[in-house]
C-alpha cells in the first residue's frame, strides 16, 4: 500500500487542529462525538483519520449526511486539497466512497442485538 505523498510543512498540525474542531461543529448540531475526540487526542488527527476511515459508523458521518452537512465530516476534511498529501490513495478512495455511500450503517461502531426468531 503506497504511503502518503509529501505534505506541505505544518499540514499535519493544521489537520489535527481541524480534527479537534470537529467536536465543536458536531456539538452545534446536537451530537457530541466524545470517542472521536478522545481518539484524536490520543493518536493525533492524521493517525486517527487513517484508522477511523476504515471503521464504518465511528466518525459521525451518518448523522452529518442525514443533516445535509457532509462538508463538516472527517472524510470531507481528508479530501481537502491541502490535506490530501497526508493520506494514501486507498485512504482517500475510502473517504470518497463513504461520502458517496447510499447505504449507511447505523451501528455507530457498537454491537447491536439481533432479533431471534420464535417458533
N, C-alpha and C. Protein backbone atom coordinates (compact mmCIF):
# COMPACT_ATOMS: atom_id res chain seq x y z
N UNK A 1 0.86 -1.18 0.00
CA UNK A 1 0.00 0.00 0.00
C UNK A 1 0.90 1.24 0.00
N UNK A 2 0.73 2.11 -0.97
CA UNK A 2 1.55 3.31 -1.01
C UNK A 2 1.24 4.23 0.15
N UNK A 3 2.25 4.88 0.66
CA UNK A 3 2.08 5.78 1.79
C UNK A 3 1.70 7.17 1.34
N UNK A 4 1.62 8.09 2.30
CA UNK A 4 1.27 9.47 1.97
C UNK A 4 2.33 10.12 1.10
N UNK A 5 1.90 11.05 0.31
CA UNK A 5 2.82 11.81 -0.51
C UNK A 5 3.41 12.94 0.34
N UNK A 6 4.27 13.74 -0.23
CA UNK A 6 4.88 14.84 0.52
C UNK A 6 3.84 15.91 0.82
N UNK A 7 3.65 16.15 2.11
CA UNK A 7 2.69 17.16 2.55
C UNK A 7 3.39 18.48 2.78
N UNK A 8 2.64 19.56 2.67
CA UNK A 8 3.19 20.88 2.95
C UNK A 8 3.57 20.96 4.42
N UNK A 9 4.65 21.70 4.74
CA UNK A 9 5.04 21.83 6.14
C UNK A 9 3.89 22.39 6.99
N UNK A 10 3.68 21.77 8.13
CA UNK A 10 2.63 22.23 9.03
C UNK A 10 1.26 21.68 8.72
N UNK A 11 1.12 20.96 7.62
CA UNK A 11 -0.20 20.44 7.24
C UNK A 11 -0.73 19.46 8.28
N UNK A 12 0.15 18.64 8.84
CA UNK A 12 -0.30 17.65 9.83
C UNK A 12 -0.83 18.35 11.08
N UNK A 13 -0.17 19.39 11.53
CA UNK A 13 -0.63 20.15 12.69
C UNK A 13 -1.95 20.85 12.44
N UNK A 14 -2.10 21.41 11.25
CA UNK A 14 -3.36 22.07 10.90
C UNK A 14 -4.50 21.05 10.82
N UNK A 15 -4.19 19.89 10.24
CA UNK A 15 -5.21 18.85 10.14
C UNK A 15 -5.64 18.41 11.54
N UNK A 16 -4.68 18.22 12.44
CA UNK A 16 -5.00 17.82 13.81
C UNK A 16 -5.92 18.86 14.47
N UNK A 17 -5.60 20.11 14.31
CA UNK A 17 -6.41 21.18 14.89
C UNK A 17 -7.83 21.15 14.34
N UNK A 18 -7.95 20.92 13.04
CA UNK A 18 -9.28 20.85 12.43
C UNK A 18 -10.04 19.61 12.89
N UNK A 19 -9.32 18.50 13.08
CA UNK A 19 -9.97 17.29 13.61
C UNK A 19 -10.51 17.56 15.01
N UNK A 20 -9.76 18.27 15.83
CA UNK A 20 -10.25 18.62 17.17
C UNK A 20 -11.47 19.53 17.07
N UNK A 21 -11.51 20.38 16.06
CA UNK A 21 -12.63 21.28 15.86
C UNK A 21 -13.91 20.57 15.43
N UNK A 22 -13.79 19.34 14.94
CA UNK A 22 -14.98 18.59 14.54
C UNK A 22 -15.94 18.43 15.71
N UNK A 23 -15.40 18.22 16.90
CA UNK A 23 -16.25 18.04 18.08
C UNK A 23 -17.18 19.25 18.27
N UNK A 24 -16.61 20.45 18.14
CA UNK A 24 -17.41 21.67 18.30
C UNK A 24 -18.46 21.80 17.20
N UNK A 25 -18.07 21.45 15.97
CA UNK A 25 -19.03 21.52 14.85
C UNK A 25 -20.18 20.55 15.07
N UNK A 26 -19.84 19.35 15.50
CA UNK A 26 -20.87 18.34 15.74
C UNK A 26 -21.76 18.76 16.91
N UNK A 27 -21.16 19.34 17.95
CA UNK A 27 -21.93 19.77 19.12
C UNK A 27 -22.99 20.78 18.73
N UNK A 28 -22.67 21.66 17.79
CA UNK A 28 -23.63 22.65 17.33
C UNK A 28 -24.83 21.99 16.67
N UNK A 29 -24.66 20.76 16.21
CA UNK A 29 -25.75 20.01 15.58
C UNK A 29 -26.46 19.09 16.57
N UNK A 30 -26.03 19.16 17.85
CA UNK A 30 -26.66 18.34 18.87
C UNK A 30 -26.06 16.95 19.03
N UNK A 31 -24.85 16.76 18.57
CA UNK A 31 -24.17 15.46 18.63
C UNK A 31 -22.78 15.67 19.20
N UNK A 32 -22.45 14.95 20.24
CA UNK A 32 -21.14 15.10 20.88
C UNK A 32 -20.34 13.81 20.74
N UNK A 33 -19.47 13.74 19.74
CA UNK A 33 -18.69 12.52 19.49
C UNK A 33 -17.48 12.42 20.43
N UNK A 34 -17.74 12.08 21.67
CA UNK A 34 -16.71 12.04 22.70
C UNK A 34 -15.60 11.03 22.34
N UNK A 35 -15.99 9.87 21.82
CA UNK A 35 -14.99 8.86 21.48
C UNK A 35 -14.09 9.31 20.33
N UNK A 36 -14.66 10.01 19.34
CA UNK A 36 -13.86 10.55 18.24
C UNK A 36 -12.84 11.54 18.79
N UNK A 37 -13.30 12.43 19.65
CA UNK A 37 -12.41 13.44 20.22
C UNK A 37 -11.27 12.79 21.02
N UNK A 38 -11.61 11.80 21.84
CA UNK A 38 -10.60 11.11 22.63
C UNK A 38 -9.59 10.39 21.73
N UNK A 39 -10.09 9.76 20.67
CA UNK A 39 -9.21 9.03 19.75
C UNK A 39 -8.23 9.99 19.08
N UNK A 40 -8.71 11.17 18.70
CA UNK A 40 -7.85 12.18 18.08
C UNK A 40 -6.82 12.68 19.09
N UNK A 41 -7.24 12.93 20.31
CA UNK A 41 -6.30 13.38 21.35
C UNK A 41 -5.19 12.37 21.60
N UNK A 42 -5.56 11.10 21.65
CA UNK A 42 -4.58 10.05 21.96
C UNK A 42 -3.67 9.69 20.80
N UNK A 43 -4.17 9.81 19.57
CA UNK A 43 -3.42 9.33 18.41
C UNK A 43 -2.95 10.42 17.45
N UNK A 44 -3.48 11.61 17.59
CA UNK A 44 -3.19 12.66 16.62
C UNK A 44 -4.22 12.61 15.50
N UNK A 45 -4.46 13.74 14.89
CA UNK A 45 -5.51 13.84 13.87
C UNK A 45 -5.30 12.97 12.66
N UNK A 46 -4.09 12.95 12.12
CA UNK A 46 -3.83 12.18 10.91
C UNK A 46 -3.93 10.68 11.20
N UNK A 47 -3.29 10.22 12.26
CA UNK A 47 -3.34 8.79 12.60
C UNK A 47 -4.77 8.35 12.89
N UNK A 48 -5.53 9.20 13.57
CA UNK A 48 -6.92 8.87 13.87
C UNK A 48 -7.72 8.73 12.59
N UNK A 49 -7.57 9.68 11.67
CA UNK A 49 -8.31 9.64 10.41
C UNK A 49 -7.93 8.40 9.60
N UNK A 50 -6.65 8.06 9.57
CA UNK A 50 -6.19 6.90 8.82
C UNK A 50 -6.83 5.61 9.33
N UNK A 51 -7.06 5.52 10.61
CA UNK A 51 -7.67 4.31 11.17
C UNK A 51 -9.20 4.37 11.08
N UNK A 52 -9.78 5.49 11.44
CA UNK A 52 -11.23 5.59 11.51
C UNK A 52 -11.92 5.55 10.15
N UNK A 53 -11.23 5.96 9.11
CA UNK A 53 -11.85 5.97 7.79
C UNK A 53 -12.24 4.57 7.34
N UNK A 54 -11.62 3.55 7.92
CA UNK A 54 -11.94 2.17 7.56
C UNK A 54 -12.90 1.50 8.55
N UNK A 55 -13.40 2.26 9.52
CA UNK A 55 -14.32 1.71 10.52
C UNK A 55 -15.68 2.39 10.39
N UNK A 56 -16.60 1.73 9.70
CA UNK A 56 -17.93 2.33 9.50
C UNK A 56 -18.62 2.66 10.82
N UNK A 57 -19.30 3.80 10.81
CA UNK A 57 -20.10 4.17 11.97
C UNK A 57 -19.34 4.78 13.12
N UNK A 58 -18.09 5.17 12.92
CA UNK A 58 -17.31 5.70 14.04
C UNK A 58 -17.03 7.19 13.97
N UNK A 59 -17.34 7.84 12.86
CA UNK A 59 -16.94 9.24 12.71
C UNK A 59 -18.09 10.23 12.76
N UNK A 60 -19.32 9.74 12.88
CA UNK A 60 -20.47 10.65 12.88
C UNK A 60 -20.93 11.03 11.48
N UNK A 61 -20.32 10.43 10.46
CA UNK A 61 -20.66 10.77 9.08
C UNK A 61 -22.15 10.57 8.80
N UNK A 62 -22.72 9.50 9.31
CA UNK A 62 -24.13 9.21 9.04
C UNK A 62 -25.02 10.35 9.51
N UNK A 63 -24.75 10.85 10.69
CA UNK A 63 -25.55 11.96 11.22
C UNK A 63 -25.38 13.22 10.38
N UNK A 64 -24.16 13.46 9.94
CA UNK A 64 -23.91 14.63 9.11
C UNK A 64 -24.59 14.50 7.76
N UNK A 65 -24.56 13.31 7.17
CA UNK A 65 -25.25 13.09 5.90
C UNK A 65 -26.75 13.33 6.07
N UNK A 66 -27.31 12.82 7.16
CA UNK A 66 -28.74 13.00 7.42
C UNK A 66 -29.10 14.46 7.64
N UNK A 67 -28.15 15.23 8.16
CA UNK A 67 -28.37 16.66 8.42
C UNK A 67 -28.02 17.53 7.21
N UNK A 68 -27.54 16.91 6.13
CA UNK A 68 -27.12 17.68 4.96
C UNK A 68 -25.84 18.46 5.20
N UNK A 69 -24.99 17.97 6.12
CA UNK A 69 -23.78 18.68 6.49
C UNK A 69 -22.52 17.84 6.25
N UNK A 70 -22.49 17.06 5.18
CA UNK A 70 -21.36 16.18 4.89
C UNK A 70 -20.04 16.95 4.79
N UNK A 71 -20.11 18.22 4.44
CA UNK A 71 -18.88 19.02 4.31
C UNK A 71 -18.18 19.24 5.64
N UNK A 72 -18.86 18.96 6.75
CA UNK A 72 -18.26 19.10 8.08
C UNK A 72 -17.59 17.81 8.57
N UNK A 73 -17.59 16.78 7.75
CA UNK A 73 -17.12 15.46 8.19
C UNK A 73 -15.60 15.32 8.12
N UNK A 74 -15.10 14.33 8.87
CA UNK A 74 -13.69 13.96 8.82
C UNK A 74 -13.30 13.57 7.39
N UNK A 75 -14.20 12.83 6.73
CA UNK A 75 -13.92 12.37 5.38
C UNK A 75 -13.76 13.55 4.42
N UNK A 76 -14.62 14.55 4.53
CA UNK A 76 -14.51 15.74 3.69
C UNK A 76 -13.22 16.50 4.01
N UNK A 77 -12.85 16.53 5.27
CA UNK A 77 -11.60 17.19 5.68
C UNK A 77 -10.40 16.50 5.04
N UNK A 78 -10.40 15.17 5.05
CA UNK A 78 -9.31 14.41 4.44
C UNK A 78 -9.17 14.72 2.95
N UNK A 79 -10.27 15.01 2.28
CA UNK A 79 -10.27 15.22 0.84
C UNK A 79 -9.97 16.65 0.42
N UNK A 80 -9.83 17.54 1.38
CA UNK A 80 -9.48 18.91 1.02
C UNK A 80 -8.08 18.92 0.42
N UNK A 81 -7.87 19.69 -0.64
CA UNK A 81 -6.59 19.66 -1.37
C UNK A 81 -5.36 19.85 -0.47
N UNK A 82 -5.45 20.70 0.53
CA UNK A 82 -4.29 20.97 1.38
C UNK A 82 -3.93 19.80 2.29
N UNK A 83 -4.83 18.82 2.44
CA UNK A 83 -4.56 17.68 3.31
C UNK A 83 -4.42 16.34 2.58
N UNK A 84 -4.73 16.30 1.31
CA UNK A 84 -4.68 15.04 0.58
C UNK A 84 -3.31 14.37 0.62
N UNK A 85 -2.25 15.14 0.64
CA UNK A 85 -0.89 14.57 0.65
C UNK A 85 -0.59 13.82 1.95
N UNK A 86 -1.39 14.00 2.98
CA UNK A 86 -1.17 13.30 4.25
C UNK A 86 -1.67 11.86 4.20
N UNK A 87 -2.42 11.52 3.16
CA UNK A 87 -3.09 10.23 3.10
C UNK A 87 -2.72 9.46 1.84
N UNK A 88 -2.84 8.13 1.94
CA UNK A 88 -2.58 7.27 0.78
C UNK A 88 -3.78 7.34 -0.17
N UNK A 89 -3.56 6.87 -1.38
CA UNK A 89 -4.65 6.82 -2.36
C UNK A 89 -5.80 5.95 -1.84
N UNK A 90 -5.48 4.85 -1.17
CA UNK A 90 -6.50 3.96 -0.62
C UNK A 90 -7.34 4.66 0.44
N UNK A 91 -6.70 5.42 1.31
CA UNK A 91 -7.42 6.15 2.36
C UNK A 91 -8.32 7.22 1.75
N UNK A 92 -7.83 7.91 0.74
CA UNK A 92 -8.64 8.94 0.08
C UNK A 92 -9.80 8.31 -0.68
N UNK A 93 -9.57 7.17 -1.30
CA UNK A 93 -10.63 6.46 -2.01
C UNK A 93 -11.73 6.05 -1.03
N UNK A 94 -11.34 5.54 0.13
CA UNK A 94 -12.32 5.12 1.14
C UNK A 94 -13.14 6.33 1.62
N UNK A 95 -12.47 7.45 1.86
CA UNK A 95 -13.17 8.66 2.30
C UNK A 95 -14.18 9.10 1.24
N UNK A 96 -13.77 9.05 -0.01
CA UNK A 96 -14.66 9.42 -1.12
C UNK A 96 -15.86 8.49 -1.19
N UNK A 97 -15.61 7.19 -1.07
CA UNK A 97 -16.70 6.21 -1.13
C UNK A 97 -17.67 6.38 0.04
N UNK A 98 -17.13 6.67 1.21
CA UNK A 98 -18.01 6.86 2.37
C UNK A 98 -18.90 8.07 2.20
N UNK A 99 -18.36 9.14 1.64
CA UNK A 99 -19.17 10.34 1.41
C UNK A 99 -20.25 10.09 0.36
N UNK A 100 -19.96 9.23 -0.61
CA UNK A 100 -20.90 8.95 -1.69
C UNK A 100 -21.85 7.81 -1.38
N UNK A 101 -21.64 7.13 -0.27
CA UNK A 101 -22.39 5.92 0.04
C UNK A 101 -23.86 6.19 0.29
N UNK A 102 -24.70 5.37 -0.33
CA UNK A 102 -26.15 5.46 -0.09
C UNK A 102 -26.56 4.58 1.07
N UNK A 103 -25.81 3.51 1.32
CA UNK A 103 -26.15 2.59 2.42
C UNK A 103 -25.28 2.93 3.61
N UNK A 104 -25.89 3.54 4.61
CA UNK A 104 -25.14 4.00 5.77
C UNK A 104 -25.43 3.12 6.97
N UNK A 105 -24.38 2.75 7.67
CA UNK A 105 -24.51 1.92 8.87
C UNK A 105 -25.10 2.74 10.01
N UNK A 106 -25.93 2.12 10.79
CA UNK A 106 -26.50 2.77 11.96
C UNK A 106 -25.87 2.24 13.23
N UNK A 107 -24.81 1.47 13.11
CA UNK A 107 -24.25 0.83 14.30
C UNK A 107 -23.50 1.80 15.19
N UNK A 108 -23.00 2.89 14.65
CA UNK A 108 -22.17 3.84 15.38
C UNK A 108 -21.02 3.14 16.08
N UNK A 109 -20.56 2.04 15.44
CA UNK A 109 -19.39 1.35 15.95
C UNK A 109 -19.67 0.42 17.11
N UNK A 110 -20.92 0.23 17.46
CA UNK A 110 -21.25 -0.63 18.59
C UNK A 110 -21.98 -1.86 18.09
N UNK A 111 -21.89 -2.93 18.84
CA UNK A 111 -22.64 -4.13 18.51
C UNK A 111 -24.10 -3.92 18.82
N UNK A 112 -24.95 -4.49 17.99
CA UNK A 112 -26.38 -4.39 18.24
C UNK A 112 -26.95 -5.78 18.41
N UNK A 113 -27.92 -5.91 19.28
CA UNK A 113 -28.57 -7.20 19.49
C UNK A 113 -29.36 -7.55 18.25
N UNK A 114 -29.30 -8.80 17.86
CA UNK A 114 -30.05 -9.28 16.71
C UNK A 114 -31.34 -9.94 17.20
N UNK A 115 -32.45 -9.65 16.54
CA UNK A 115 -33.70 -10.30 16.94
C UNK A 115 -33.61 -11.79 16.71
N UNK A 116 -34.24 -12.55 17.58
CA UNK A 116 -34.27 -14.01 17.42
C UNK A 116 -35.66 -14.42 16.99
N UNK A 117 -35.70 -15.45 16.18
CA UNK A 117 -36.99 -15.96 15.72
C UNK A 117 -37.58 -16.90 16.77
N UNK A 118 -38.86 -16.76 17.01
CA UNK A 118 -39.57 -17.65 17.92
C UNK A 118 -40.37 -18.64 17.11
N UNK A 119 -40.36 -19.86 17.57
CA UNK A 119 -41.10 -20.89 16.83
C UNK A 119 -42.41 -21.18 17.49
